[in-house]
Protein backbone atom coordinates (compact mmCIF):
# COMPACT_ATOMS: atom_id res chain seq x y z
CA MET A 1 -17.75 11.90 7.05
CA ASN A 2 -17.60 12.01 3.19
CA PRO A 3 -20.60 14.03 1.91
CA PHE A 4 -20.32 12.05 -1.49
CA ARG A 5 -20.68 8.62 0.20
CA GLU A 6 -24.02 6.70 -0.60
CA THR A 7 -25.03 3.32 0.57
CA VAL A 8 -25.97 0.95 -2.38
CA THR A 9 -27.77 -2.24 -1.41
CA GLY A 10 -27.85 -5.36 -3.63
CA PRO A 11 -29.80 -8.59 -3.35
CA GLU A 12 -27.05 -10.27 -1.44
CA SER A 13 -24.49 -7.77 -0.21
CA GLU A 14 -24.15 -4.06 0.66
CA LEU A 15 -21.91 -2.04 -1.61
CA VAL A 16 -20.58 1.43 -1.17
CA ARG A 17 -20.27 3.92 -4.05
CA VAL A 18 -18.20 7.05 -3.67
CA ALA A 19 -19.18 9.77 -6.01
CA GLN A 20 -16.12 11.31 -7.82
CA ASN A 21 -15.27 15.01 -7.90
CA THR A 22 -15.34 15.25 -11.77
CA THR A 23 -13.47 18.62 -11.83
CA THR A 24 -10.28 16.92 -10.58
CA GLU A 25 -10.62 13.27 -11.35
CA SER A 26 -11.31 11.07 -14.40
CA GLN A 27 -14.98 10.12 -15.22
CA PHE A 28 -15.73 6.52 -15.40
CA TYR A 29 -18.11 5.14 -18.16
CA ASN A 30 -19.46 1.71 -18.97
CA SER A 31 -16.01 0.01 -19.03
CA GLY A 32 -15.33 1.02 -15.46
CA MET A 33 -12.04 2.54 -16.74
CA PRO A 34 -11.01 6.19 -16.65
CA GLU A 35 -11.87 8.19 -19.75
CA ALA A 36 -8.19 8.32 -20.70
CA HIS A 37 -8.23 4.68 -21.84
CA LEU A 38 -10.55 5.66 -24.84
CA LYS A 39 -7.70 7.56 -26.56
CA GLY A 40 -9.74 9.48 -28.96
CA ARG A 41 -12.45 6.83 -29.37
CA ALA A 42 -16.04 7.53 -28.79
CA ARG A 43 -17.45 6.74 -25.34
CA PRO A 44 -19.15 3.44 -25.16
CA LYS A 45 -22.86 3.90 -24.98
CA PRO A 46 -25.29 1.59 -23.18
CA PHE A 47 -27.53 -0.52 -25.44
CA MET A 48 -30.50 1.03 -23.61
CA GLU A 49 -31.11 3.44 -20.79
CA HIS A 50 -34.24 4.68 -19.02
CA PRO A 51 -35.26 7.38 -17.98
CA THR A 52 -34.09 9.48 -20.96
CA GLY A 53 -37.45 10.85 -22.05
CA GLN A 54 -37.71 8.43 -24.92
CA PHE A 55 -40.13 6.02 -23.10
CA ALA A 56 -42.80 6.56 -20.44
CA THR A 57 -41.90 3.36 -18.46
CA SER A 58 -39.15 0.82 -17.79
CA ILE A 59 -41.34 -1.75 -19.29
CA GLU A 60 -41.55 0.16 -22.64
CA ALA A 61 -37.81 0.71 -22.60
CA MET A 62 -37.14 -2.97 -22.03
CA ALA A 63 -39.64 -4.03 -24.68
CA ASP A 64 -37.94 -1.77 -27.25
CA ALA A 65 -34.51 -3.13 -26.32
CA ILE A 66 -35.68 -6.74 -26.57
CA GLN A 67 -37.37 -5.97 -29.94
CA ARG A 68 -33.99 -4.55 -31.30
CA LEU A 69 -32.02 -7.42 -29.88
CA ARG A 70 -34.31 -10.04 -31.50
CA MET A 71 -33.90 -8.28 -34.84
CA LEU A 72 -30.04 -8.81 -34.65
CA PRO A 73 -28.77 -11.41 -37.19
CA GLU A 74 -26.97 -13.05 -34.33
CA TRP A 75 -27.43 -12.72 -30.66
CA SER A 76 -24.81 -15.09 -28.97
CA ARG A 77 -23.63 -12.87 -26.13
CA TRP A 78 -25.40 -12.19 -22.83
CA ILE A 79 -26.78 -8.65 -22.29
CA THR A 80 -27.30 -7.40 -18.71
CA PHE A 81 -30.37 -5.49 -17.69
CA CYS A 82 -29.52 -3.53 -14.68
CA ALA A 83 -32.26 -1.99 -12.64
CA GLN A 84 -31.76 0.82 -10.05
CA GLY A 85 -34.37 1.69 -7.44
CA ALA A 86 -34.82 2.95 -3.99
CA GLY A 87 -32.61 1.51 -1.14
CA GLN A 88 -33.37 1.25 2.49
CA ASP A 89 -32.38 4.91 3.23
CA GLU A 90 -33.46 8.20 1.62
CA ASN A 91 -30.08 8.63 -0.05
CA SER A 92 -29.38 4.98 -1.02
CA TYR A 93 -30.02 2.87 -4.07
CA HIS A 94 -30.83 -0.82 -4.59
CA LEU A 95 -29.40 -2.45 -7.66
CA ALA A 96 -30.21 -5.68 -9.40
CA GLU A 97 -29.29 -7.46 -12.58
CA ILE A 98 -30.81 -9.92 -15.05
CA ARG A 99 -28.81 -11.39 -17.90
CA MET A 100 -30.56 -12.28 -21.18
CA ARG A 101 -29.42 -14.04 -24.22
CA ARG A 102 -32.04 -14.74 -26.92
CA GLY A 103 -34.83 -16.58 -25.03
CA SER A 104 -32.80 -17.35 -21.97
CA ILE A 105 -32.63 -15.28 -18.76
CA ASP A 106 -30.23 -15.73 -15.87
CA THR A 107 -31.64 -14.35 -12.60
CA ASN A 108 -28.91 -15.71 -10.45
CA ILE A 109 -31.64 -16.83 -7.94
CA PRO A 110 -34.65 -19.23 -8.14
CA ILE A 111 -37.99 -17.52 -9.03
CA ASP A 112 -41.52 -18.42 -8.29
CA VAL A 113 -42.72 -18.99 -11.88
CA GLU A 114 -46.33 -18.78 -11.07
CA LEU A 115 -45.94 -15.36 -9.34
CA VAL A 116 -43.80 -13.94 -12.06
CA ALA A 117 -46.16 -15.24 -14.92
CA LYS A 118 -49.32 -13.83 -13.07
CA ALA A 119 -47.59 -10.42 -12.56
CA ALA A 120 -46.33 -10.43 -16.27
CA GLN A 121 -49.81 -11.43 -17.53
CA ILE A 122 -48.57 -14.42 -19.42
CA GLN A 123 -49.06 -18.25 -19.11
CA ALA A 124 -46.64 -19.89 -16.60
CA SER A 125 -45.90 -22.48 -19.34
CA ARG A 126 -44.04 -19.69 -21.19
CA ILE A 127 -41.35 -19.75 -18.45
CA ASP A 128 -39.39 -22.93 -18.10
CA GLY A 129 -36.26 -23.55 -15.94
CA GLU A 130 -35.08 -23.58 -12.48
CA GLY A 131 -32.32 -22.51 -10.19
CA GLY A 132 -31.80 -19.09 -11.77
CA ILE A 133 -31.68 -20.13 -15.53
CA TYR A 134 -34.95 -19.84 -17.36
CA ARG A 135 -36.23 -20.00 -20.87
CA LEU A 136 -38.99 -17.68 -22.20
CA SER A 137 -40.94 -19.44 -24.88
CA GLY A 138 -43.27 -17.70 -27.38
CA THR A 139 -43.10 -14.42 -25.63
CA THR A 140 -43.57 -10.98 -27.47
CA PRO A 141 -40.92 -8.38 -26.57
CA LEU A 142 -43.62 -6.68 -24.27
CA ASP A 143 -44.22 -10.11 -22.61
CA ALA A 144 -40.52 -10.70 -22.00
CA ALA A 145 -40.18 -7.06 -20.67
CA ARG A 146 -43.22 -7.50 -18.24
CA THR A 147 -41.51 -10.77 -17.13
CA LEU A 148 -38.24 -9.00 -16.44
CA ASP A 149 -40.16 -6.29 -14.59
CA SER A 150 -42.06 -8.89 -12.46
CA ILE A 151 -38.66 -10.46 -11.51
CA PHE A 152 -37.05 -7.21 -10.69
CA ARG A 153 -40.04 -6.08 -8.57
CA HIS A 154 -41.09 -9.39 -6.84
CA HIS A 155 -37.74 -11.33 -6.49
CA LEU A 156 -35.03 -8.70 -6.70
CA LYS A 157 -37.02 -6.07 -4.67
CA ILE A 158 -36.56 -3.10 -7.06
CA ARG A 159 -38.87 -0.24 -6.28
CA PRO A 160 -39.06 3.30 -7.38
CA HIS A 161 -37.84 6.06 -5.17
CA ALA A 162 -40.60 7.79 -3.15
CA GLU A 163 -40.96 10.73 -5.44
CA GLU A 164 -40.85 8.67 -8.68
CA ASP A 165 -43.24 6.50 -10.57
CA ASP A 166 -40.74 4.07 -11.92
CA TYR A 167 -37.22 2.67 -11.45
CA ALA A 168 -34.23 3.33 -13.76
CA ILE A 169 -33.14 0.56 -16.16
CA GLY A 170 -30.23 0.07 -18.49
CA ALA A 171 -28.82 -2.69 -20.69
CA GLU A 172 -25.19 -3.29 -21.53
CA TRP A 173 -23.17 -5.99 -23.25
């Protein structure tokens, strides 16, 4: 039995992540490639990570990220918000992703717009779409962050670990 083996559950499949012994093997960063591929370049950094101590909640961290994204002169690429919460077992994780580009979100699954809007404290008419692709209209960054949080919690089943108040979240291109 490998003591570094942890079960990671996702919305549709079970994945296995094996922790690396960083004293003898390369560390992996955002690119998924060994550090050696960077050849003197700075390590890529995520657009946003929580918890880092900068924000009290995942919603605040997402709202700040969305605010910064909306301030970009052009936002034509999808960015992925990846949440990590408690899995089914004590030492397991559940991961989920939502992609966002300007006012569009890609959940990869249909959502209950009324449920999401109610939990996000916005009007259901601000969410339009079906089948996994939705448009957020007239939302503030905080409204959009609460919408993503609602989807993560109610549809993608992200929940904090037992000893924590919130789940982890990151955003990467």
